[in-house]
């Protein structure tokens, strides 16, 4: 009861969306706690189902994105300040603004999925997965693109990785979002909805696992020896013009 009241409040729902986005970063390397990706998305989708305002849904998507990219793209500050010598306040501002820009993509999904006026089941299983995947693709191309934290990359060592050779990383992203939608239906539905959701989850994971067992490539010819050498040069020396000749 307390949880429901918390999620019904504007501040509670916003904080929950922000936290879900931040936690979802742990599904990527090096932690690779892959179940957090569909679970975090499932919480966001559940919050979307609890509102009938496209603007509110957009704000929840923005909060999710701000937490997600705020944690997952925070390394930009290090690049700008530590290696790029940008003043700390300016580097922090630039990183924050860029994360806010990236958060506009899940915000767009939140608004559109509600504006189209479809039922909850259609939204969770078709519309939201399609819109989310499209938003990730757009983020990877718009203004030269930034595909960092594309959802499919969180599933490298899971059954859903089996979709990668057939549908690519965005196909895996679609599968992750679809799994999240099924989780919501399983948690909130009744009767046939729960049976259908659980069946869909089994089919989705089993299909991915079956595809993963396929040997899509085979080596030909003799092995080729390869060596990789990386110079251990400090950044302070790397960008010193007086050392270019050396």
Protein backbone atom coordinates (compact mmCIF):
# COMPACT_ATOMS: atom_id res chain seq x y z
CA UNK A 1 0.00 0.00 0.00
CA UNK A 2 2.81 2.39 0.90
CA UNK A 3 4.61 1.54 -2.35
CA UNK A 4 1.47 2.29 -4.36
CA UNK A 5 1.03 5.65 -2.63
CA UNK A 6 4.69 6.45 -3.22
CA UNK A 7 4.42 5.70 -6.95
CA UNK A 8 1.17 7.65 -7.22
CA UNK A 9 2.86 10.81 -5.98
CA UNK A 10 4.65 12.92 -8.58
CA UNK A 11 7.88 13.13 -6.65
CA UNK A 12 7.83 9.43 -5.79
CA UNK A 13 7.23 8.31 -9.37
CA UNK A 14 9.90 10.68 -10.69
CA UNK A 15 12.43 9.44 -8.14
CA UNK A 16 11.56 5.84 -8.94
CA UNK A 17 12.06 6.44 -12.68
CA UNK A 18 15.37 8.22 -12.08
CA UNK A 19 16.60 5.41 -9.79
CA UNK A 20 15.52 2.74 -12.27
CA UNK A 21 17.51 4.42 -15.03
CA UNK A 22 20.60 4.70 -12.84
CA UNK A 23 20.38 1.08 -11.67
CA UNK A 24 19.97 -0.20 -15.24
CA UNK A 25 23.57 0.84 -15.98
CA UNK A 26 24.74 -2.12 -13.87
CA UNK A 27 23.36 -4.46 -16.56
CA UNK A 28 26.27 -3.44 -18.81
CA UNK A 29 29.93 -4.38 -18.49
CA UNK A 30 31.83 -4.72 -16.25
CA UNK A 31 29.07 -5.79 -13.80
CA UNK A 32 26.78 -7.32 -16.45
CA UNK A 33 23.85 -7.88 -14.10
CA UNK A 34 21.69 -8.32 -17.18
CA UNK A 35 18.28 -8.86 -15.49
CA UNK A 36 18.41 -5.26 -14.26
CA UNK A 37 17.86 -3.98 -17.82
CA UNK A 38 14.37 -5.49 -18.37
CA UNK A 39 13.43 -5.01 -14.69
CA UNK A 40 14.33 -1.31 -14.72
CA UNK A 41 12.42 -0.80 -17.96
CA UNK A 42 9.48 -2.72 -16.53
CA UNK A 43 9.28 -0.27 -13.64
CA UNK A 44 9.33 2.67 -16.05
CA UNK A 45 6.59 1.10 -18.18
CA UNK A 46 4.52 0.43 -15.07
CA UNK A 47 4.80 4.09 -14.16
CA UNK A 48 3.69 5.01 -17.67
CA UNK A 49 0.59 2.86 -17.26
CA UNK A 50 -0.29 4.73 -14.06
CA UNK A 51 -0.63 8.08 -15.82
CA UNK A 52 -2.92 9.36 -18.56
CA UNK A 53 -0.91 12.52 -19.25
CA UNK A 54 1.51 12.43 -22.21
CA UNK A 55 3.44 15.29 -20.63
CA UNK A 56 3.78 13.40 -17.36
CA UNK A 57 4.85 10.25 -19.23
CA UNK A 58 7.49 12.31 -21.03
CA UNK A 59 8.78 13.68 -17.72
CA UNK A 60 9.04 10.15 -16.32
CA UNK A 61 10.95 9.04 -19.41
CA UNK A 62 13.21 12.06 -19.06
CA UNK A 63 13.88 11.22 -15.38
CA UNK A 64 14.73 7.64 -16.36
CA UNK A 65 17.08 8.85 -19.08
CA UNK A 66 18.71 11.41 -16.80
CA UNK A 67 19.50 8.73 -14.24
CA UNK A 68 20.60 6.26 -16.90
CA UNK A 69 22.93 8.55 -18.81
CA UNK A 70 23.93 10.55 -15.75
CA UNK A 71 25.52 7.40 -14.33
CA UNK A 72 26.51 5.65 -17.54
CA UNK A 73 27.99 8.64 -19.39
CA UNK A 74 29.60 10.39 -16.41
CA UNK A 75 33.00 9.45 -17.86
CA UNK A 76 32.55 12.37 -20.27
CA UNK A 77 33.45 14.69 -17.41
CA UNK A 78 36.78 12.87 -16.99
CA UNK A 79 37.48 13.13 -20.71
CA UNK A 80 36.68 16.83 -20.81
CA UNK A 81 38.30 17.87 -17.54
CA UNK A 82 41.15 15.45 -16.82
CA UNK A 83 42.32 14.88 -20.39
CA UNK A 84 40.85 17.85 -22.22
CA UNK A 85 41.87 20.40 -19.58
CA UNK A 86 38.38 21.97 -19.57
CA UNK A 87 37.64 23.87 -16.33
CA UNK A 88 35.75 21.67 -13.86
CA UNK A 89 32.53 23.76 -13.70
CA UNK A 90 32.33 23.96 -17.49
CA UNK A 91 33.05 20.24 -17.88
CA UNK A 92 30.34 19.41 -15.33
CA UNK A 93 27.85 21.69 -17.11
CA UNK A 94 28.67 20.24 -20.53
CA UNK A 95 28.29 16.68 -19.26
CA UNK A 96 24.98 17.48 -17.56
CA UNK A 97 23.55 19.18 -20.63
CA UNK A 98 24.61 16.30 -22.86
CA UNK A 99 23.00 13.76 -20.53
CA UNK A 100 19.84 15.89 -20.58
CA UNK A 101 19.89 15.79 -24.38
CA UNK A 102 20.21 12.00 -24.36
CA UNK A 103 17.33 11.78 -21.88
CA UNK A 104 15.04 13.40 -24.45
CA UNK A 105 14.87 10.12 -26.37
CA UNK A 106 13.13 8.05 -23.64
CA UNK A 107 11.04 11.14 -22.92
CA UNK A 108 9.86 11.10 -26.54
CA UNK A 109 8.92 7.43 -26.25
CA UNK A 110 6.96 8.12 -23.08
CA UNK A 111 4.91 10.83 -24.70
CA UNK A 112 4.24 9.07 -28.00
CA UNK A 113 3.22 5.72 -26.51
CA UNK A 114 0.41 7.46 -24.65
CA UNK A 115 -0.65 9.93 -27.32
CA UNK A 116 -1.52 7.17 -29.79
CA UNK A 117 -4.32 5.99 -27.50
CA UNK A 118 -3.80 2.24 -27.73
CA UNK A 119 -4.58 -0.35 -25.06
CA UNK A 120 -2.07 -1.32 -22.38
CA UNK A 121 -1.31 -4.72 -23.91
CA UNK A 122 -0.65 -3.34 -27.39
CA UNK A 123 1.48 -0.55 -25.96
CA UNK A 124 3.63 -2.87 -23.86
CA UNK A 125 4.13 -5.62 -26.43
CA UNK A 126 4.25 -3.73 -29.72
CA UNK A 127 4.26 0.05 -29.55
CA UNK A 128 6.77 0.68 -26.75
CA UNK A 129 9.32 -1.90 -27.99
CA UNK A 130 9.09 -0.43 -31.51
CA UNK A 131 9.34 3.19 -30.33
CA UNK A 132 12.17 2.45 -27.88
CA UNK A 133 14.18 0.63 -30.53
CA UNK A 134 13.57 3.44 -33.02
CA UNK A 135 14.68 6.00 -30.41
CA UNK A 136 17.90 4.07 -29.77
CA UNK A 137 18.56 3.89 -33.49
CA UNK A 138 17.96 7.64 -33.84
CA UNK A 139 20.27 8.33 -30.91
CA UNK A 140 22.95 6.29 -32.67
CA UNK A 141 22.71 8.39 -35.86
CA UNK A 142 21.35 11.85 -35.09
CA UNK A 143 24.03 14.60 -34.96
CA UNK A 144 26.71 11.97 -35.81
CA UNK A 145 25.20 9.64 -33.21
CA UNK A 146 25.97 8.34 -29.72
CA UNK A 147 25.03 4.64 -29.42
CA UNK A 148 26.52 4.31 -25.92
CA UNK A 149 24.30 2.22 -23.57
CA UNK A 150 22.19 0.77 -26.37
CA UNK A 151 20.07 -1.79 -24.53
CA UNK A 152 21.10 -4.75 -26.66
CA UNK A 153 24.68 -4.51 -25.44
CA UNK A 154 23.56 -5.45 -21.92
CA UNK A 155 22.62 -8.95 -23.09
CA UNK A 156 25.94 -10.22 -24.43
CA UNK A 157 26.00 -13.39 -22.31
CA UNK A 158 22.25 -14.11 -22.12
CA UNK A 159 19.77 -16.09 -24.21
CA UNK A 160 18.64 -12.85 -25.85
CA UNK A 161 22.10 -12.52 -27.41
CA UNK A 162 20.98 -15.20 -29.85
CA UNK A 163 18.99 -12.57 -31.76
CA UNK A 164 22.14 -10.54 -32.51
CA UNK A 165 23.39 -12.50 -35.56
CA UNK A 166 19.91 -12.29 -37.12
CA UNK A 167 18.59 -8.87 -36.08
CA UNK A 168 21.66 -6.99 -34.84
CA UNK A 169 22.02 -5.06 -31.60
CA UNK A 170 18.76 -3.16 -32.15
CA UNK A 171 16.93 -6.44 -32.53
CA UNK A 172 18.30 -7.47 -29.15
CA UNK A 173 17.16 -4.11 -27.74
CA UNK A 174 13.66 -4.82 -29.05
CA UNK A 175 13.74 -8.20 -27.30
CA UNK A 176 14.84 -6.59 -24.01
CA UNK A 177 12.02 -4.04 -24.14
CA UNK A 178 9.52 -6.74 -25.10
CA UNK A 179 10.68 -8.81 -22.11
CA UNK A 180 10.15 -5.77 -19.89
CA UNK A 181 6.61 -5.38 -21.22
CA UNK A 182 5.90 -9.06 -20.53
CA UNK A 183 7.19 -8.62 -16.98
CA UNK A 184 4.72 -5.77 -16.42
CA UNK A 185 1.82 -7.85 -17.74
CA UNK A 186 2.89 -10.78 -15.58
CA UNK A 187 3.06 -8.58 -12.47
CA UNK A 188 -0.10 -6.56 -13.00
CA UNK A 189 -2.34 -8.74 -15.15
CA UNK A 190 -4.83 -11.40 -14.10
CA UNK A 191 -5.91 -14.75 -15.46
CA UNK A 192 -5.19 -15.19 -19.14
CA UNK A 193 -3.00 -12.08 -19.25
CA UNK A 194 -0.57 -13.63 -16.79
CA UNK A 195 -0.61 -16.97 -18.57
CA UNK A 196 0.04 -15.27 -21.90
CA UNK A 197 2.82 -13.13 -20.42
CA UNK A 198 4.60 -16.07 -18.82
CA UNK A 199 4.27 -18.07 -22.03
CA UNK A 200 5.63 -15.17 -24.04
CA UNK A 201 8.65 -14.87 -21.74
CA UNK A 202 9.44 -18.57 -22.11
CA UNK A 203 9.08 -18.43 -25.90
CA UNK A 204 11.21 -15.28 -26.18
CA UNK A 205 14.06 -16.63 -24.03
CA UNK A 206 13.89 -20.11 -25.56
CA UNK A 207 14.00 -18.71 -29.10
CA UNK A 208 17.00 -16.58 -28.24
CA UNK A 209 18.72 -19.53 -26.61
CA UNK A 210 18.06 -21.72 -29.65
CA UNK A 211 19.46 -19.08 -32.01
CA UNK A 212 22.50 -18.72 -29.78
CA UNK A 213 23.32 -22.40 -30.19
CA UNK A 214 23.58 -22.01 -33.98
CA UNK A 215 27.12 -21.86 -35.39
CA UNK A 216 26.74 -18.85 -37.67
CA UNK A 217 30.38 -18.77 -38.79
CA UNK A 218 33.15 -21.29 -39.40
CA UNK A 219 36.93 -20.74 -39.66
CA UNK A 220 38.58 -21.33 -43.02
CA UNK A 221 42.26 -21.48 -43.98
CA UNK A 222 45.29 -21.45 -41.70
CA UNK A 223 45.34 -19.33 -38.53
CA UNK A 224 46.99 -15.93 -38.91
CA UNK A 225 49.20 -14.76 -36.02
CA UNK A 226 48.43 -11.21 -34.88
CA UNK A 227 50.21 -8.95 -32.39
CA UNK A 228 48.84 -5.77 -30.85
CA UNK A 229 51.13 -3.13 -29.36
CA UNK A 230 49.83 -0.18 -27.38
CA UNK A 231 52.18 2.50 -26.16
CA UNK A 232 51.93 3.39 -22.48
CA UNK A 233 52.17 7.17 -22.85
CA UNK A 234 50.80 9.53 -20.22
CA UNK A 235 48.14 11.93 -21.49
CA UNK A 236 50.16 14.91 -20.25
CA UNK A 237 53.00 13.85 -22.57
CA UNK A 238 50.79 12.79 -25.46
CA UNK A 239 49.50 16.28 -26.14
CA UNK A 240 52.75 18.14 -25.51
CA UNK A 241 53.87 19.65 -28.87
CA UNK A 242 57.49 19.69 -27.68
CA UNK A 243 57.44 15.87 -27.59
CA UNK A 244 55.89 15.27 -31.03
CA UNK A 245 59.23 14.70 -32.70
CA UNK A 246 60.28 12.08 -30.15
